[in-house]
Amino acid sequence: MRSEFRKYAVVALLFVFMVVNFADKAVLGIVGVPLMKDVGITPQEFGYIASSFFLLYSISGIAFGFLANRIKSKYILLGLAAVWALTQFPVVFWPTVPILVMSRMLLGAAEGPAYPVAVHAVYKWFPDDRRTLPTAMLSQGAPVGVIIAAPLLAHLIARYSWHAAFIACGVLGLAWCVLWAFIGKEGGHGEPASRPAGTAVAGFDEDGPRIPYSRLLLDPSLIGTVLATFAAFWILTVGLTWLPPYLEQGLGYVTVDMGWLIAVIVGANIPFQLGGSWLSQHLLVKKGVPSRLSRAVLMSGLIALGGVSLFAAMLLDFGPVAKIVFLAIGCALPNIVFCIGPAIIGEFAPLRQRAGLLAINSSVGTTAGLIAPTVTGWLVGAAGKANVAAGYANSYMFAGALLVVFGLLGCFIIDPARSAARNRRLCEGAQTCPADDRQSMSHAPT
């Protein structure tokens, strides 16, 4: 294939990769009500099952992130998707709580590295100041996966049973593996030699210096991005796991209508993420706005605004339509972190350590997924069957508080250009930094 065609074919196929990823994540929530009735699962047990998905998620994400520094992304992504597909089928034949827990644990272990490794693969095809929009395109696989999965799986459940939903996800995963085996390829793009003044600072080239992780992990920009990711992933996980039961049990919608409502709510992600990503890249590249404002403040401010919208959805009584609108905005805005957050890290991370830092951000930030479903299950269960809507409202307001606090914090502490300059100084003074690396760094833009 020609290079330009191959580049966009890889991005398109990785988009489908994320579609499959989030269909697999969402299937448990979509089958939640009939599954709980059929197997006899309480809300607390359902919360534990949902949380089990994240028991190995972060550990695996970090481990595979470091492997991606050394092993081709094509082979890692192929192996991960194969595991996703195979973990769907045991639930169909042995629907018990232990099997559900084991299946979700293995699925989580294979999905933990998925997004950071996919982002790393995309970054190999684009320079630093052109990565935000391709990353946004990749991340749209997440809402599209849920938009497609929710109504289709809800239809399969209504016509057949919840078993059919897991079979469909498994077959889709195997089909993607076949396509990726033939089309997937590594890009060879390094960092650009120069960029317009005032835009992002280039990362370091592949043969460049290695900075101790003890220094990188204490960087305020990384810490702020991780906290923002944590808050965003909290509401994302609550939505994937508990939004379908909330619509059915808390608001009284039937299964088929629930599927379409989820598609509408999750669909709000697409214009917000694409619009926010375009604005960030436009400000950075076309207007020369410093990345602290065009990336960090924009991202963090939208996260905080999402928290405010969740409070409005739960506390204001403007009718059911307004509740759905505020809920959709509150769930959608924080996801901008999955588009701009990796670009922030890519701006100051040495190239040879970038996959590792992306994985650390994703894996530590997504530990929220280990906690959020269980906390929600406790809140819903504690409210009792007579007041289940209040339990859901409490869980969404808790998520809103996290978004507001961590979003505002990110506005103050994330500054990727400052972090990049700090890393260059660390390299220049490091004993492990070879002379030729220091020489190459002296020509990096400031």
Protein backbone atom coordinates (compact mmCIF):
# COMPACT_ATOMS: atom_id res chain seq x y z
CA MET A 1 0.00 0.00 0.00
CA ARG A 2 1.09 3.58 -0.60
CA SER A 3 2.22 5.36 2.55
CA GLU A 4 -0.61 7.94 2.69
CA PHE A 5 -3.30 5.32 2.07
CA ARG A 6 -1.73 2.95 4.59
CA LYS A 7 -1.61 5.72 7.20
CA TYR A 8 -5.32 6.38 7.06
CA ALA A 9 -6.16 2.68 6.67
CA VAL A 10 -4.32 2.03 9.94
CA VAL A 11 -6.11 4.91 11.68
CA ALA A 12 -9.47 3.67 10.38
CA LEU A 13 -8.81 0.12 11.54
CA LEU A 14 -7.66 1.34 14.95
CA PHE A 15 -10.90 3.32 15.12
CA VAL A 16 -12.76 0.03 14.61
CA PHE A 17 -10.46 -1.49 17.25
CA MET A 18 -11.84 1.04 19.74
CA VAL A 19 -15.40 0.34 18.56
CA VAL A 20 -14.91 -3.32 19.46
CA ASN A 21 -13.16 -2.33 22.70
CA PHE A 22 -16.07 -0.29 23.98
CA ALA A 23 -18.74 -2.69 22.75
CA ASP A 24 -17.03 -5.31 24.92
CA LYS A 25 -16.91 -2.88 27.84
CA ALA A 26 -20.55 -1.86 27.47
CA VAL A 27 -22.11 -5.28 26.99
CA LEU A 28 -22.24 -6.06 30.72
CA GLY A 29 -24.19 -2.89 31.50
CA ILE A 30 -26.55 -3.41 28.56
CA VAL A 31 -27.44 -6.95 29.69
CA GLY A 32 -27.37 -5.87 33.34
CA VAL A 33 -31.08 -6.01 34.24
CA PRO A 34 -31.96 -9.34 32.54
CA LEU A 35 -28.64 -10.84 33.67
CA MET A 36 -29.26 -9.90 37.30
CA LYS A 37 -32.77 -11.38 37.15
CA ASP A 38 -31.69 -14.57 35.36
CA VAL A 39 -28.64 -15.36 37.49
CA GLY A 40 -30.00 -13.87 40.73
CA ILE A 41 -27.40 -11.12 41.21
CA THR A 42 -27.86 -8.25 43.69
CA PRO A 43 -26.81 -4.65 42.86
CA GLN A 44 -23.80 -5.02 45.18
CA GLU A 45 -22.72 -8.26 43.44
CA PHE A 46 -23.21 -6.65 40.04
CA GLY A 47 -20.98 -3.80 41.16
CA TYR A 48 -18.27 -6.27 42.21
CA ILE A 49 -18.50 -8.08 38.87
CA ALA A 50 -18.18 -4.78 37.01
CA SER A 51 -15.22 -3.75 39.17
CA SER A 52 -13.46 -7.07 38.58
CA PHE A 53 -12.91 -5.90 35.00
CA PHE A 54 -10.33 -3.47 36.41
CA LEU A 55 -8.47 -5.80 38.80
CA LEU A 56 -5.71 -6.44 36.23
CA TYR A 57 -6.53 -3.49 33.95
CA SER A 58 -3.95 -1.06 35.30
CA ILE A 59 -1.18 -3.58 35.93
CA SER A 60 -1.55 -4.99 32.43
CA GLY A 61 -1.74 -1.52 30.92
CA ILE A 62 1.57 -0.49 32.45
CA ALA A 63 3.29 -3.78 31.60
CA PHE A 64 2.23 -3.74 27.95
CA GLY A 65 3.00 -0.03 27.72
CA PHE A 66 6.63 -0.75 28.47
CA LEU A 67 6.59 -3.73 26.10
CA ALA A 68 5.32 -1.38 23.38
CA ASN A 69 8.60 0.51 23.71
CA ARG A 70 10.31 -2.62 22.37
CA ILE A 71 7.73 -4.77 20.54
CA LYS A 72 5.82 -3.77 17.41
CA SER A 73 2.40 -2.35 18.17
CA LYS A 74 0.85 -4.52 15.44
CA TYR A 75 1.53 -7.75 17.29
CA ILE A 76 0.50 -6.41 20.69
CA LEU A 77 -2.81 -5.10 19.38
CA LEU A 78 -3.53 -8.35 17.53
CA GLY A 79 -2.98 -10.41 20.68
CA LEU A 80 -5.12 -8.11 22.82
CA ALA A 81 -8.08 -8.21 20.44
CA ALA A 82 -7.91 -12.01 20.22
CA VAL A 83 -8.22 -12.27 24.00
CA TRP A 84 -11.20 -9.88 23.99
CA ALA A 85 -13.04 -12.11 21.55
CA LEU A 86 -12.32 -15.38 23.35
CA THR A 87 -13.39 -14.11 26.79
CA GLN A 88 -16.96 -13.47 25.61
CA PHE A 89 -17.93 -17.10 25.04
CA PRO A 90 -17.54 -18.71 28.52
CA VAL A 91 -20.27 -16.41 29.88
CA VAL A 92 -22.69 -17.79 27.30
CA PHE A 93 -22.23 -21.41 28.34
CA TRP A 94 -21.51 -21.07 32.09
CA PRO A 95 -23.38 -17.97 33.36
CA THR A 96 -22.32 -17.97 37.01
CA VAL A 97 -20.87 -15.24 39.19
CA PRO A 98 -17.35 -16.84 39.29
CA ILE A 99 -17.31 -17.21 35.49
CA LEU A 100 -18.52 -13.64 35.05
CA VAL A 101 -15.78 -12.39 37.37
CA MET A 102 -13.07 -14.44 35.64
CA SER A 103 -14.24 -13.42 32.17
CA ARG A 104 -14.31 -9.73 33.05
CA MET A 105 -10.90 -9.93 34.74
CA LEU A 106 -9.28 -11.44 31.63
CA LEU A 107 -11.10 -8.98 29.37
CA GLY A 108 -9.87 -6.09 31.52
CA ALA A 109 -6.30 -7.38 31.44
CA ALA A 110 -6.43 -7.37 27.63
CA GLU A 111 -8.24 -4.03 27.35
CA GLY A 112 -6.06 -2.12 29.83
CA PRO A 113 -3.24 -1.52 27.32
CA ALA A 114 -5.57 -1.06 24.35
CA TYR A 115 -5.97 2.71 24.12
CA PRO A 116 -2.40 3.80 25.04
CA VAL A 117 -0.86 1.24 22.68
CA ALA A 118 -3.29 2.27 19.91
CA VAL A 119 -2.40 5.93 20.51
CA HIS A 120 1.30 5.02 20.40
CA ALA A 121 0.68 3.27 17.07
CA VAL A 122 -1.11 6.33 15.65
CA TYR A 123 1.64 8.66 16.86
CA LYS A 124 4.12 6.75 14.70
CA TRP A 125 2.34 8.14 11.63
CA PHE A 126 2.03 11.85 12.62
CA PRO A 127 4.28 14.65 13.97
CA ASP A 128 3.64 16.13 17.42
CA ASP A 129 1.64 19.19 16.36
CA ARG A 130 -0.62 17.10 14.07
CA ARG A 131 -1.58 14.39 16.55
CA THR A 132 -4.60 15.83 18.34
CA LEU A 133 -7.13 15.27 15.55
CA PRO A 134 -5.95 11.73 14.64
CA THR A 135 -6.11 10.90 18.35
CA ALA A 136 -9.62 12.36 18.49
CA MET A 137 -10.60 10.23 15.49
CA LEU A 138 -9.24 7.17 17.27
CA SER A 139 -11.03 8.00 20.50
CA GLN A 140 -14.35 8.36 18.64
CA GLY A 141 -14.34 4.59 18.40
CA ALA A 142 -15.36 4.60 22.06
CA PRO A 143 -18.69 6.46 21.72
CA VAL A 144 -19.37 4.93 18.32
CA GLY A 145 -18.83 1.48 19.83
CA VAL A 146 -21.47 2.19 22.45
CA ILE A 147 -23.79 3.96 19.98
CA ILE A 148 -23.74 0.91 17.72
CA ALA A 149 -23.71 -1.67 20.47
CA ALA A 150 -26.46 -0.28 22.71
CA PRO A 151 -29.44 -0.44 20.31
CA LEU A 152 -28.23 -3.54 18.46
CA LEU A 153 -27.45 -5.53 21.58
CA ALA A 154 -30.67 -4.33 23.21
CA HIS A 155 -32.53 -5.61 20.14
CA LEU A 156 -30.75 -8.98 20.34
CA ILE A 157 -31.60 -9.22 24.04
CA ALA A 158 -35.27 -8.39 23.44
CA ARG A 159 -35.58 -10.83 20.53
CA TYR A 160 -33.38 -13.68 21.75
CA SER A 161 -31.69 -13.37 25.15
CA TRP A 162 -28.77 -11.68 26.84
CA HIS A 163 -26.57 -14.61 25.70
CA ALA A 164 -26.75 -13.35 22.10
CA ALA A 165 -25.10 -10.07 23.07
CA PHE A 166 -21.92 -11.79 24.26
CA ILE A 167 -21.81 -14.01 21.14
CA ALA A 168 -22.06 -10.95 18.87
CA CYS A 169 -19.17 -9.22 20.67
CA GLY A 170 -16.96 -12.31 20.38
CA VAL A 171 -17.57 -12.75 16.66
CA LEU A 172 -16.91 -9.04 16.00
CA GLY A 173 -13.56 -9.25 17.82
CA LEU A 174 -12.41 -12.25 15.77
CA ALA A 175 -13.35 -10.49 12.53
CA TRP A 176 -11.21 -7.46 13.48
CA CYS A 177 -8.21 -9.71 14.17
CA VAL A 178 -8.36 -11.08 10.63
CA LEU A 179 -8.42 -7.59 9.08
CA TRP A 180 -5.62 -6.26 11.28
CA ALA A 181 -3.36 -9.22 10.50
CA PHE A 182 -3.35 -8.16 6.84
CA ILE A 183 -3.57 -4.35 7.06
CA GLY A 184 -1.79 -3.37 10.29
CA LYS A 185 1.69 -1.88 9.99
CA GLU A 186 4.10 0.28 12.01
CA GLY A 187 4.58 3.92 11.09
CA GLY A 188 8.07 5.37 11.02
CA HIS A 189 7.42 8.98 12.00
CA GLY A 190 9.81 10.62 14.44
CA GLU A 191 9.59 14.07 15.92
CA PRO A 192 9.55 17.04 13.54
CA ALA A 193 12.75 18.96 13.13
CA SER A 194 11.03 22.25 13.82
CA ARG A 195 7.63 23.81 14.43
CA PRO A 196 6.19 27.32 14.56
CA ALA A 197 7.24 29.47 17.47
CA GLY A 198 4.99 29.27 20.48
CA THR A 199 3.69 25.79 19.70
CA ALA A 200 4.41 22.47 21.36
CA VAL A 201 7.96 21.55 22.30
CA ALA A 202 9.22 18.54 20.42
CA GLY A 203 9.74 15.26 22.16
CA PHE A 204 13.13 13.61 21.99
CA ASP A 205 14.18 11.39 19.13
CA GLU A 206 14.30 7.62 19.40
CA ASP A 207 18.04 7.51 20.00
CA GLY A 208 17.84 10.38 22.46
CA PRO A 209 18.21 10.47 26.24
CA ARG A 210 16.38 8.43 28.84
CA ILE A 211 15.21 10.36 31.90
CA PRO A 212 14.77 8.51 35.21
CA TYR A 213 11.13 7.60 35.73
CA SER A 214 11.38 8.86 39.30
CA ARG A 215 11.72 12.35 37.82
CA LEU A 216 9.10 11.92 35.11
CA LEU A 217 6.47 10.57 37.51
CA LEU A 218 6.78 13.61 39.79
CA ASP A 219 6.19 16.06 36.94
CA PRO A 220 3.14 18.26 37.74
CA SER A 221 1.88 17.99 34.16
CA LEU A 222 1.85 14.21 34.36
CA ILE A 223 0.22 14.23 37.81
CA GLY A 224 -2.46 16.67 36.67
CA THR A 225 -3.18 14.65 33.53
CA VAL A 226 -3.42 11.42 35.53
CA LEU A 227 -5.89 13.00 37.98
CA ALA A 228 -7.96 14.38 35.11
CA THR A 229 -7.97 10.94 33.50
CA PHE A 230 -9.03 9.40 36.83
CA ALA A 231 -12.04 11.71 37.15
CA ALA A 232 -13.04 11.26 33.51
CA PHE A 233 -12.75 7.51 33.70
CA TRP A 234 -14.84 7.45 36.87
CA ILE A 235 -17.87 8.91 35.10
CA LEU A 236 -17.11 6.87 31.97
CA THR A 237 -17.17 3.63 33.98
CA VAL A 238 -20.31 4.61 35.88
CA GLY A 239 -21.96 5.34 32.54
CA LEU A 240 -20.88 2.10 30.88
CA THR A 241 -21.87 -0.07 33.83
CA TRP A 242 -24.77 1.68 35.54
CA LEU A 243 -26.36 3.99 32.97
CA PRO A 244 -28.47 1.20 31.38
CA PRO A 245 -29.84 0.01 34.77
CA TYR A 246 -30.39 3.66 35.79
CA LEU A 247 -32.48 4.32 32.69
CA GLU A 248 -34.52 1.17 33.30
CA GLN A 249 -34.79 1.09 37.10
CA GLY A 250 -34.33 4.77 37.97
CA LEU A 251 -36.20 6.45 35.12
CA GLY A 252 -38.54 3.64 34.03
CA TYR A 253 -37.56 3.08 30.37
CA VAL A 254 -38.03 -0.32 28.72
CA THR A 255 -35.05 -2.26 27.31
CA VAL A 256 -35.36 -1.23 23.65
CA ASP A 257 -35.88 2.46 24.51
CA MET A 258 -32.96 2.24 26.93
CA GLY A 259 -30.71 1.11 24.07
CA TRP A 260 -31.61 4.10 21.91
CA LEU A 261 -31.29 6.55 24.80
CA ILE A 262 -27.79 5.28 25.54
CA ALA A 263 -26.91 5.79 21.88
CA VAL A 264 -28.13 9.41 22.10
CA ILE A 265 -26.34 10.12 25.40
CA VAL A 266 -23.06 8.57 24.28
CA GLY A 267 -23.41 10.18 20.85
CA ALA A 268 -22.93 13.55 22.52
CA ASN A 269 -19.27 12.58 22.90
CA ILE A 270 -18.60 12.89 19.19
CA PRO A 271 -19.24 16.61 18.57
CA PHE A 272 -17.73 17.60 21.91
CA GLN A 273 -14.56 15.55 21.45
CA LEU A 274 -14.03 16.41 17.79
CA GLY A 275 -14.90 20.07 18.35
CA GLY A 276 -12.69 20.38 21.42
CA SER A 277 -9.81 18.59 19.68
CA TRP A 278 -10.12 20.75 16.58
CA LEU A 279 -10.18 23.91 18.71
CA SER A 280 -7.12 22.79 20.66
CA GLN A 281 -5.10 22.01 17.52
CA HIS A 282 -6.32 25.20 15.77
CA LEU A 283 -5.22 27.36 18.70
CA LEU A 284 -1.89 25.57 18.95
CA VAL A 285 -0.93 25.41 15.27
CA LYS A 286 -2.79 28.28 13.59
CA LYS A 287 -2.91 30.86 16.37
CA GLY A 288 0.32 30.06 18.19
CA VAL A 289 -1.45 29.85 21.57
CA PRO A 290 0.85 28.22 24.18
CA SER A 291 0.02 24.62 24.89
CA ARG A 292 -0.70 25.43 28.54
CA LEU A 293 -3.82 27.26 27.33
CA SER A 294 -4.62 25.47 24.07
CA ARG A 295 -4.25 22.02 25.61
CA ALA A 296 -4.13 22.03 29.43
CA VAL A 297 -6.60 24.76 30.40
CA LEU A 298 -9.04 23.91 27.61
CA MET A 299 -9.06 20.23 28.59
CA SER A 300 -9.29 20.82 32.33
CA GLY A 301 -11.97 23.49 32.02
CA LEU A 302 -14.21 21.20 29.98
CA ILE A 303 -13.77 18.45 32.57
CA ALA A 304 -14.89 20.78 35.38
CA LEU A 305 -17.83 21.98 33.27
CA GLY A 306 -18.88 18.36 32.83
CA GLY A 307 -19.07 18.00 36.61
CA VAL A 308 -21.29 21.07 36.85
CA SER A 309 -23.61 19.58 34.22
CA LEU A 310 -23.97 16.35 36.22
CA PHE A 311 -25.05 18.34 39.27
CA ALA A 312 -27.61 20.15 37.11
CA ALA A 313 -28.95 16.83 35.79
CA MET A 314 -29.49 15.46 39.28
CA LEU A 315 -30.62 18.57 41.18
CA LEU A 316 -32.63 20.67 38.71
CA ASP A 317 -36.16 19.63 37.76
CA PHE A 318 -36.62 20.85 34.18
CA GLY A 319 -38.30 17.65 33.00
CA PRO A 320 -37.03 14.33 31.62
CA VAL A 321 -35.65 15.75 28.36
CA ALA A 322 -33.53 18.36 30.15
CA LYS A 323 -32.29 15.68 32.57
CA ILE A 324 -31.09 13.53 29.66
CA VAL A 325 -29.45 16.56 27.98
CA PHE A 326 -27.52 17.60 31.12
CA LEU A 327 -26.58 13.98 31.78
CA ALA A 328 -25.29 13.59 28.22
CA ILE A 329 -23.20 16.77 28.47
CA GLY A 330 -21.83 15.78 31.86
CA CYS A 331 -20.80 12.35 30.59
CA ALA A 332 -19.39 13.69 27.29
CA LEU A 333 -17.26 16.71 28.20
CA PRO A 334 -14.78 14.90 30.50
CA ASN A 335 -13.85 12.49 27.71
CA ILE A 336 -11.85 15.26 26.04
CA VAL A 337 -9.02 14.10 28.29
CA PHE A 338 -8.65 10.97 26.16
CA CYS A 339 -7.93 13.18 23.11
CA ILE A 340 -5.82 15.98 24.57
CA GLY A 341 -4.27 14.18 27.55
CA PRO A 342 -2.05 11.88 25.45
CA ALA A 343 -0.97 14.86 23.33
CA ILE A 344 0.09 16.70 26.50
CA ILE A 345 2.21 13.74 27.59
CA GLY A 346 3.60 13.24 24.09
CA GLU A 347 4.76 16.85 24.13
CA PHE A 348 7.19 16.43 27.02
CA ALA A 349 7.93 12.67 27.06
CA PRO A 350 11.16 11.33 25.53
CA LEU A 351 10.13 9.27 22.50
CA ARG A 352 11.69 6.05 23.76
CA GLN A 353 9.73 6.45 27.03
CA ARG A 354 6.51 7.81 25.55
CA ALA A 355 4.65 4.49 25.37
CA GLY A 356 5.50 3.81 28.99
CA LEU A 357 4.25 7.22 30.17
CA LEU A 358 1.08 6.94 28.10
CA ALA A 359 0.47 3.54 29.67
CA ILE A 360 1.14 4.86 33.19
CA ASN A 361 -1.31 7.71 32.64
CA SER A 362 -3.96 5.40 31.29
CA SER A 363 -3.42 2.62 33.80
CA VAL A 364 -3.23 4.78 36.94
CA GLY A 365 -6.03 7.06 35.78
CA THR A 366 -8.28 4.13 34.96
CA THR A 367 -7.99 2.67 38.45
CA ALA A 368 -11.16 4.70 38.86
CA GLY A 369 -12.83 1.85 37.03
CA LEU A 370 -11.91 -0.53 39.83
CA ILE A 371 -13.63 1.66 42.42
CA ALA A 372 -16.51 3.43 40.66
CA PRO A 373 -18.82 0.46 39.88
CA THR A 374 -18.53 -0.88 43.44
CA VAL A 375 -19.14 2.53 45.03
CA THR A 376 -22.17 2.99 42.77
CA GLY A 377 -23.45 -0.46 43.71
CA TRP A 378 -23.18 0.43 47.40
CA LEU A 379 -25.01 3.74 46.91
CA VAL A 380 -27.78 2.14 44.85
CA GLY A 381 -28.14 -0.80 47.24
CA ALA A 382 -28.13 1.43 50.31
CA ALA A 383 -30.97 3.52 48.92
CA GLY A 384 -33.19 0.44 48.75
CA LYS A 385 -35.64 -0.66 46.07
CA ALA A 386 -38.17 1.96 47.11
CA ASN A 387 -35.76 4.85 46.50
CA VAL A 388 -33.40 3.48 43.88
CA ALA A 389 -33.44 6.72 41.84
CA ALA A 390 -31.91 8.61 44.78
CA GLY A 391 -29.07 6.09 44.96
CA TYR A 392 -28.25 6.69 41.30
CA ALA A 393 -28.46 10.47 41.79
CA ASN A 394 -25.98 10.30 44.67
CA SER A 395 -23.52 8.34 42.56
CA TYR A 396 -23.66 10.86 39.70
CA MET A 397 -23.21 13.82 42.04
CA PHE A 398 -20.17 12.15 43.59
CA ALA A 399 -18.73 11.79 40.09
CA GLY A 400 -19.53 15.44 39.40
CA ALA A 401 -17.59 16.53 42.49
CA LEU A 402 -14.51 14.60 41.31
CA LEU A 403 -14.71 16.23 37.89
CA VAL A 404 -14.97 19.76 39.27
CA VAL A 405 -12.11 19.35 41.77
CA PHE A 406 -9.64 17.59 39.48
CA GLY A 407 -10.58 19.74 36.49
CA LEU A 408 -9.85 22.96 38.35
CA LEU A 409 -6.62 21.48 39.71
CA GLY A 410 -5.48 20.64 36.18
CA CYS A 411 -5.99 24.26 35.09
CA PHE A 412 -3.31 25.31 37.58
CA ILE A 413 -0.67 22.56 37.50
CA ILE A 414 -0.54 21.24 33.91
CA ASP A 415 1.99 23.06 31.72
CA PRO A 416 3.47 20.76 29.03
CA ALA A 417 5.93 23.30 27.59
CA ARG A 418 7.37 23.93 31.04
CA SER A 419 7.65 20.18 31.59
CA ALA A 420 9.45 19.70 28.26
CA ALA A 421 11.96 22.44 29.11
CA ARG A 422 12.52 20.83 32.52
CA ASN A 423 13.18 17.46 30.89
CA ARG A 424 15.73 18.96 28.54
CA ARG A 425 17.58 20.46 31.50
CA LEU A 426 17.48 17.08 33.27
CA CYS A 427 18.96 15.44 30.22
CA GLU A 428 21.71 17.97 29.83
CA GLY A 429 22.77 17.43 33.44
CA ALA A 430 22.31 13.65 33.54
CA GLN A 431 25.38 11.45 33.66
CA THR A 432 23.51 8.84 31.63
CA CYS A 433 22.87 11.26 28.82
CA PRO A 434 25.48 10.60 26.08
CA ALA A 435 27.36 13.49 24.58
CA ASP A 436 25.75 13.04 21.18
CA ASP A 437 22.29 13.11 22.81
CA ARG A 438 23.10 16.38 24.59
CA GLN A 439 24.32 17.81 21.31
CA SER A 440 21.10 16.84 19.51
CA MET A 441 19.05 18.35 22.34
CA SER A 442 20.80 21.69 22.02
CA HIS A 443 19.03 22.15 18.68
CA ALA A 444 15.56 21.31 20.01
CA PRO A 445 13.08 24.20 19.91
CA THR A 446 12.27 25.93 23.15
